[in-house]
C-alpha atoms as a PDB file:
ATOM      1  CA  MET A   1      51.990  70.407  89.842  1.00  0.00           C
ATOM      2  CA  ASP A   2      51.473  69.214  86.418  1.00  0.00           C
ATOM      3  CA  LEU A   3      53.750  71.983  85.789  1.00  0.00           C
ATOM      4  CA  VAL A   4      56.952  70.362  88.063  1.00  0.00           C
ATOM      5  CA  LYS A   5      56.042  67.434  87.246  1.00  0.00           C
ATOM      6  CA  SER A   6      56.587  67.916  83.259  1.00  0.00           C
ATOM      7  CA  HIS A   7      59.806  69.803  84.121  1.00  0.00           C
ATOM      8  CA  LEU A   8      61.017  67.170  86.652  1.00  0.00           C
ATOM      9  CA  MET A   9      60.612  64.556  83.829  1.00  0.00           C
ATOM     10  CA  MET A  10      62.603  66.597  81.710  1.00  0.00           C
ATOM     11  CA  ALA A  11      65.329  67.011  83.443  1.00  0.00           C
ATOM     12  CA  VAL A  12      65.824  62.988  84.338  1.00  0.00           C
ATOM     13  CA  ARG A  13      65.234  62.589  80.368  1.00  0.00           C
ATOM     14  CA  GLU A  14      67.842  64.569  80.025  1.00  0.00           C
ATOM     15  CA  GLU A  15      70.225  62.853  82.087  1.00  0.00           C
ATOM     16  CA  VAL A  16      69.317  59.384  81.209  1.00  0.00           C
ATOM     17  CA  GLU A  17      70.255  60.352  77.616  1.00  0.00           C
ATOM     18  CA  LEU A  18      73.718  62.077  78.717  1.00  0.00           C
ATOM     19  CA  LEU A  19      74.306  58.974  81.262  1.00  0.00           C
ATOM     20  CA  ARG A  20      73.347  56.493  78.360  1.00  0.00           C
ATOM     21  CA  GLY A  21      76.383  58.729  75.887  1.00  0.00           C
ATOM     22  CA  TYR A  22      78.875  58.078  78.711  1.00  0.00           C
ATOM     23  CA  ILE A  23      78.251  54.786  78.573  1.00  0.00           C
ATOM     24  CA  ARG A  24      78.209  54.255  75.311  1.00  0.00           C
ATOM     25  CA  GLU A  25      81.619  56.245  75.328  1.00  0.00           C
ATOM     26  CA  LEU A  26      82.685  53.052  78.038  1.00  0.00           C
ATOM     27  CA  HIS A  27      81.707  50.870  76.021  1.00  0.00           C
ATOM     28  CA  GLU A  28      84.059  51.912  73.414  1.00  0.00           C
ATOM     29  CA  LYS A  29      87.339  52.635  75.470  1.00  0.00           C
ATOM     30  CA  ASN A  30      87.110  48.760  76.849  1.00  0.00           C
ATOM     31  CA  LYS A  31      87.112  47.341  73.511  1.00  0.00           C
ATOM     32  CA  GLU A  32      89.936  49.564  72.097  1.00  0.00           C
ATOM     33  CA  LEU A  33      91.599  48.646  75.795  1.00  0.00           C
ATOM     34  CA  GLU A  34      90.629  44.835  75.452  1.00  0.00           C
ATOM     35  CA  ARG A  35      92.401  44.817  71.746  1.00  0.00           C
ATOM     36  CA  GLU A  36      95.263  46.785  73.276  1.00  0.00           C
ATOM     37  CA  ASN A  37      96.195  44.119  76.054  1.00  0.00           C
ATOM     38  CA  GLN A  38      95.925  41.212  73.794  1.00  0.00           C
ATOM     39  CA  LEU A  39      98.144  42.862  71.211  1.00  0.00           C
ATOM     40  CA  LEU A  40     100.322  43.567  74.353  1.00  0.00           C
ATOM     41  CA  LYS A  41     100.272  39.610  75.276  1.00  0.00           C
ATOM     42  CA  LYS A  42     100.881  38.350  72.378  1.00  0.00           C
ATOM     43  CA  LEU A  43     103.974  40.889  71.817  1.00  0.00           C
ATOM     44  CA  VAL A  44     104.723  39.584  75.416  1.00  0.00           C
ATOM     45  CA  HIS A  45     104.461  35.723  74.391  1.00  0.00           C
ATOM     46  CA  THR A  46     106.931  36.913  71.168  1.00  0.00           C
ATOM     47  CA  THR A  47     108.788  38.262  73.203  1.00  0.00           C
ATOM     48  CA  ASP A  48     109.883  35.835  76.046  1.00  0.00           C
ATOM     49  CA  CYS A  49     110.038  33.251  73.208  1.00  0.00           C
ATOM     50  CA  GLN A  50     112.977  35.599  71.975  1.00  0.00           C
ATOM     51  CA  ASN A  51     114.648  36.002  75.870  1.00  0.00           C
ATOM     52  CA  THR A  52     114.414  31.935  76.040  1.00  0.00           C
ATOM     53  CA  HIS A  53     116.076  31.446  72.676  1.00  0.00           C
ATOM     54  CA  LYS A  54     119.203  34.340  73.202  1.00  0.00           C
ATOM     55  CA  HIS A  55     119.779  32.710  77.122  1.00  0.00           C
ATOM     56  CA  LEU A  56     119.778  28.981  75.333  1.00  0.00           C
ATOM     57  CA  SER A  57     122.513  30.542  72.843  1.00  0.00           C
ATOM     58  CA  LYS A  58     124.226  31.650  75.729  1.00  0.00           C
ATOM     59  CA  GLN A  59     123.793  29.249  77.579  1.00  0.00           C
ATOM     60  CA  GLU A  60     125.521  26.434  74.662  1.00  0.00           C
ATOM     61  CA  GLY A  61     128.707  28.863  73.974  1.00  0.00           C
ATOM     62  CA  PRO A  62     131.481  28.395  71.841  1.00  0.00           C
ATOM     63  CA  ALA A  63     132.055  25.192  73.555  1.00  0.00           C
ATOM     64  CA  SER A  64     129.249  22.664  71.818  1.00  0.00           C
ATOM     65  CA  SER A  65     130.247  20.235  69.682  1.00  0.00           C
ATOM     66  CA  GLY A  66     128.729  19.438  65.913  1.00  0.00           C
ATOM     67  CA  PRO A  67     128.322  21.946  63.088  1.00  0.00           C
ATOM     68  CA  THR A  68     125.773  24.742  63.720  1.00  0.00           C
ATOM     69  CA  SER A  69     123.156  23.414  61.258  1.00  0.00           C
ATOM     70  CA  LYS A  70     122.553  20.498  62.924  1.00  0.00           C
ATOM     71  CA  ARG A  71     121.873  22.606  65.883  1.00  0.00           C
ATOM     72  CA  ARG A  72     118.054  22.545  66.706  1.00  0.00           C
ATOM     73  CA  THR A  73     117.323  26.289  68.113  1.00  0.00           C
ATOM     74  CA  LEU A  74     113.997  26.892  70.513  1.00  0.00           C
ATOM     75  CA  SER A  75     112.910  29.691  67.777  1.00  0.00           C
ATOM     76  CA  SER A  76     112.606  26.934  64.920  1.00  0.00           C
ATOM     77  CA  GLU A  77     111.483  23.856  67.553  1.00  0.00           C
ATOM     78  CA  ILE A  78     108.105  26.533  68.440  1.00  0.00           C
ATOM     79  CA  GLY A  79     107.834  27.702  64.831  1.00  0.00           C
ATOM     80  CA  LEU A  80     108.502  31.342  64.976  1.00  0.00           C
ATOM     81  CA  SER A  81     109.189  33.240  61.980  1.00  0.00           C
ATOM     82  CA  ASN A  82     110.822  36.129  61.481  1.00  0.00           C
ATOM     83  CA  LYS A  83     107.726  37.136  60.865  1.00  0.00           C
ATOM     84  CA  ALA A  84     106.174  37.342  64.312  1.00  0.00           C
ATOM     85  CA  ASN A  85     109.776  38.253  65.476  1.00  0.00           C
ATOM     86  CA  ARG A  86     108.910  42.123  64.143  1.00  0.00           C
ATOM     87  CA  THR A  87     105.444  42.940  65.919  1.00  0.00           C
ATOM     88  CA  LYS A  88     104.958  46.180  66.341  1.00  0.00           C
ATOM     89  CA  VAL A  89     102.879  47.690  68.784  1.00  0.00           C
ATOM     90  CA  VAL A  90     100.408  50.968  67.255  1.00  0.00           C
ATOM     91  CA  VAL A  91      99.080  52.913  70.128  1.00  0.00           C
END
């Protein structure tokens, strides 16, 4: 009876160790995906701002009055820099 009990306990311990390793892998993968998600959210925000700027530029067209130096663009109003526009996604 003790032999059966010890054999079952050993099998359970091995299974528990395998599951713990699997859980660790899943936690690491989850952290990686959360970082990627945050990066993609930032990229989408930047892309949306660029698209809005392009849309506003098309609406102004050649008929707008006044010199271009006095025109306020969306990117200058919200403080987008060239660095934000060149965000790269590394997967």
